[in-house]
Protein backbone atom coordinates (compact mmCIF):
# COMPACT_ATOMS: atom_id res chain seq x y z
CA MET A 1 -4.43 -8.19 21.75
CA ALA A 2 -4.42 -6.42 18.52
CA TRP A 3 -5.18 -2.41 18.60
CA LEU A 4 -8.19 -1.93 15.76
CA SER A 5 -8.61 1.13 13.45
CA VAL A 6 -11.52 1.65 11.59
CA VAL A 7 -10.90 3.00 7.98
CA THR A 8 -11.54 6.33 7.41
CA ASN A 9 -10.99 6.17 3.13
CA TRP A 10 -14.73 5.24 2.62
CA ARG A 11 -14.16 5.35 -1.05
CA SER A 12 -11.89 2.68 -0.88
CA LYS A 13 -12.54 -0.59 -2.67
CA ARG A 14 -9.72 -2.58 -0.24
CA HIS A 15 -11.13 -1.78 2.73
CA PRO A 16 -15.24 -0.60 2.53
CA PRO A 17 -16.85 1.28 5.00
CA GLY A 18 -17.68 -1.01 8.06
CA ARG A 19 -14.47 -2.93 7.65
CA VAL A 20 -11.40 -2.52 10.06
CA ARG A 21 -7.64 -2.99 9.95
CA ARG A 22 -5.48 -4.72 12.33
CA GLN A 23 -2.69 -2.21 13.87
CA VAL A 24 0.53 -3.72 15.91
CA PRO A 25 1.31 -1.13 18.36
CA SER A 26 5.47 -1.90 18.31
CA GLY A 27 9.10 0.14 17.43
CA GLU A 28 9.05 -1.27 13.76
CA SER A 29 6.67 0.21 11.13
CA PRO A 30 3.38 -2.09 9.78
CA ARG A 31 5.69 -1.95 6.32
CA ALA A 32 8.48 -3.29 7.56
CA ARG A 33 7.34 -5.99 9.07
CA LEU A 34 5.47 -6.74 5.76
CA SER A 35 8.38 -6.57 4.01
CA LYS A 36 9.85 -9.77 6.28
CA ASP A 37 7.33 -12.20 4.85
CA THR A 38 8.26 -15.08 2.17
CA HIS A 39 5.01 -16.64 1.25
CA ILE A 40 2.74 -13.98 -0.33
CA GLU A 41 -0.04 -14.06 -2.14
CA TYR A 42 -1.15 -11.44 -4.90
CA LEU A 43 -4.22 -10.56 -6.11
CA GLU A 44 -4.85 -11.32 -10.00
CA GLU A 45 -5.83 -8.57 -11.50
CA PHE A 46 -4.27 -5.59 -9.63
CA THR A 47 -4.04 -2.24 -10.37
CA CYS A 48 -2.42 0.30 -8.15
CA PRO A 49 -4.65 3.32 -7.70
CA GLN A 50 -1.70 5.26 -5.91
CA GLN A 51 -0.56 6.74 -9.39
CA TYR A 52 -3.88 8.03 -10.40
CA GLN A 53 -4.49 9.79 -7.39
CA ARG A 54 -0.97 11.45 -5.54
CA LEU A 55 2.22 12.58 -5.76
CA VAL A 56 4.81 11.73 -3.19
CA ILE A 57 7.26 14.93 -2.87
CA GLY A 58 9.64 14.49 0.31
CA ALA A 59 11.69 17.02 1.77
CA ASP A 60 14.22 17.22 -0.50
CA GLY A 61 11.98 17.46 -3.54
CA LEU A 62 12.58 14.16 -4.54
CA ALA A 63 9.02 12.86 -5.89
CA MET A 64 8.48 9.02 -5.30
CA LYS A 65 5.23 7.25 -7.67
CA CYS A 66 3.96 6.63 -4.16
CA SER A 67 3.25 6.65 -0.54
CA ASN A 68 4.87 3.05 -0.19
CA ASP A 69 8.17 3.88 -1.52
CA GLU A 70 9.72 5.07 1.96
CA GLU A 71 13.50 5.06 1.22
CA ASN A 72 13.19 6.45 -2.36
CA ARG A 73 13.83 3.48 -3.86
CA GLU A 74 12.12 4.36 -7.24
CA VAL A 75 12.46 8.57 -7.75
CA ILE A 76 10.32 9.42 -10.76
CA GLY A 77 11.32 13.33 -10.78
CA ASP A 78 12.76 16.20 -8.94
CA ILE A 79 10.41 19.39 -8.13
CA LYS A 80 13.80 21.56 -7.61
CA GLN A 81 14.44 20.54 -11.22
CA GLU A 82 10.80 20.80 -13.04
CA SER A 83 7.17 21.60 -12.13
CA ILE A 84 4.63 19.41 -9.71
CA TYR A 85 2.75 19.48 -13.56
CA GLN A 86 5.30 18.06 -15.29
CA VAL A 87 6.41 15.63 -13.18
CA TRP A 88 2.80 14.03 -12.86
CA HIS A 89 2.52 14.06 -16.65
CA GLY A 90 6.06 13.30 -17.19
CA LYS A 91 7.44 10.16 -18.83
CA ASN A 92 8.20 8.66 -15.51
CA MET A 93 4.88 8.45 -13.98
CA GLN A 94 3.08 7.31 -17.71
CA ALA A 95 5.82 4.41 -17.64
CA VAL A 96 4.37 3.41 -14.08
CA ARG A 97 1.00 3.94 -15.00
CA ASP A 98 1.47 1.47 -18.22
CA MET A 99 3.59 -0.92 -15.78
CA HIS A 100 0.23 -1.39 -13.64
CA LEU A 101 -1.89 -1.65 -16.88
CA GLN A 102 -0.05 -4.42 -17.79
CA HIS A 103 -1.32 -8.58 -15.79
CA ARG A 104 0.43 -8.52 -12.62
CA GLY A 105 2.71 -5.76 -13.51
CA PHE A 106 3.16 -4.67 -10.20
CA MET A 107 5.27 -7.72 -10.15
CA GLN A 108 8.04 -5.73 -11.61
CA SER A 109 8.75 -2.93 -9.10
CA ALA A 110 10.11 -3.88 -5.72
CA VAL A 111 8.98 -1.64 -3.84
CA CYS A 112 5.39 -2.55 -5.43
CA ARG A 113 6.14 -6.36 -4.28
CA LYS A 114 7.00 -5.37 -0.78
CA CYS A 115 3.12 -3.64 -1.06
CA TYR A 116 0.15 -4.39 1.02
CA LEU A 117 -2.64 -3.50 -1.54
CA PRO A 118 -1.77 -5.96 -3.51
CA ARG A 119 -1.82 -8.63 -1.29
CA LYS A 120 -4.67 -11.38 -0.88
CA THR A 121 -6.76 -11.00 2.38
CA GLU A 122 -8.83 -13.69 4.44
CA ASP A 123 -11.87 -11.75 6.22
CA GLU A 124 -12.09 -12.80 10.10
CA ALA A 125 -15.29 -11.69 12.23
CA ALA A 126 -14.17 -9.90 15.11
CA GLN A 127 -16.15 -7.43 17.95
CA VAL A 128 -15.19 -4.21 19.75
CA GLY A 129 -17.44 -2.72 22.00
CA GLY A 130 -20.75 -5.00 20.84
CA ARG A 131 -20.38 -3.98 17.13
CA THR A 132 -18.73 -6.91 14.36
CA PHE A 133 -16.63 -5.98 12.06
CA ILE A 134 -14.67 -7.85 9.48
CA VAL A 135 -10.92 -7.86 9.82
CA ARG A 136 -8.88 -8.49 6.48
CA ASN A 137 -5.99 -10.53 7.58
CA TYR A 138 -2.57 -10.70 4.88
CA VAL A 139 -2.92 -14.45 3.26
CA HIS A 140 -0.66 -16.63 5.06
CA ARG A 141 0.88 -14.24 7.44
CA VAL A 142 1.12 -15.51 10.98
CA GLN A 143 -1.75 -12.85 13.11
CA GLN A 144 0.26 -12.39 16.10
CA ILE A 145 1.00 -9.56 17.74
CA GLY A 146 5.26 -8.69 16.68
CA LYS A 147 5.68 -11.27 14.16
């Protein structure tokens, strides 16, 4: 049985209150498992909110465009060379924002194509402790532990 965790970001459009996401116990990260998917359906009108909400800075000072870039594939700045303000308001971050404003602009980025945020989901009712929740499953994704 998959573990269920209540989503705590109540303001998120993708996961409103009362919705849950499945978390699968294994040694492999969810992003690593998702990157193996071959048939992915994306939302038609998707603009990522992350480039307007946060800046991810690694221990080495490199700034990535979002929290899904775990491998520093799309570095947008280096806080050892420029201020956080300069990175946030700089041309590289603006280019990321401009890309996401285009229709299906996220498809231009290898990091974004592997992200879970633009993926289509299907709702499934689940019960935990007598309470009913909605689980959002990725379309065309095997709903089996470890798969």
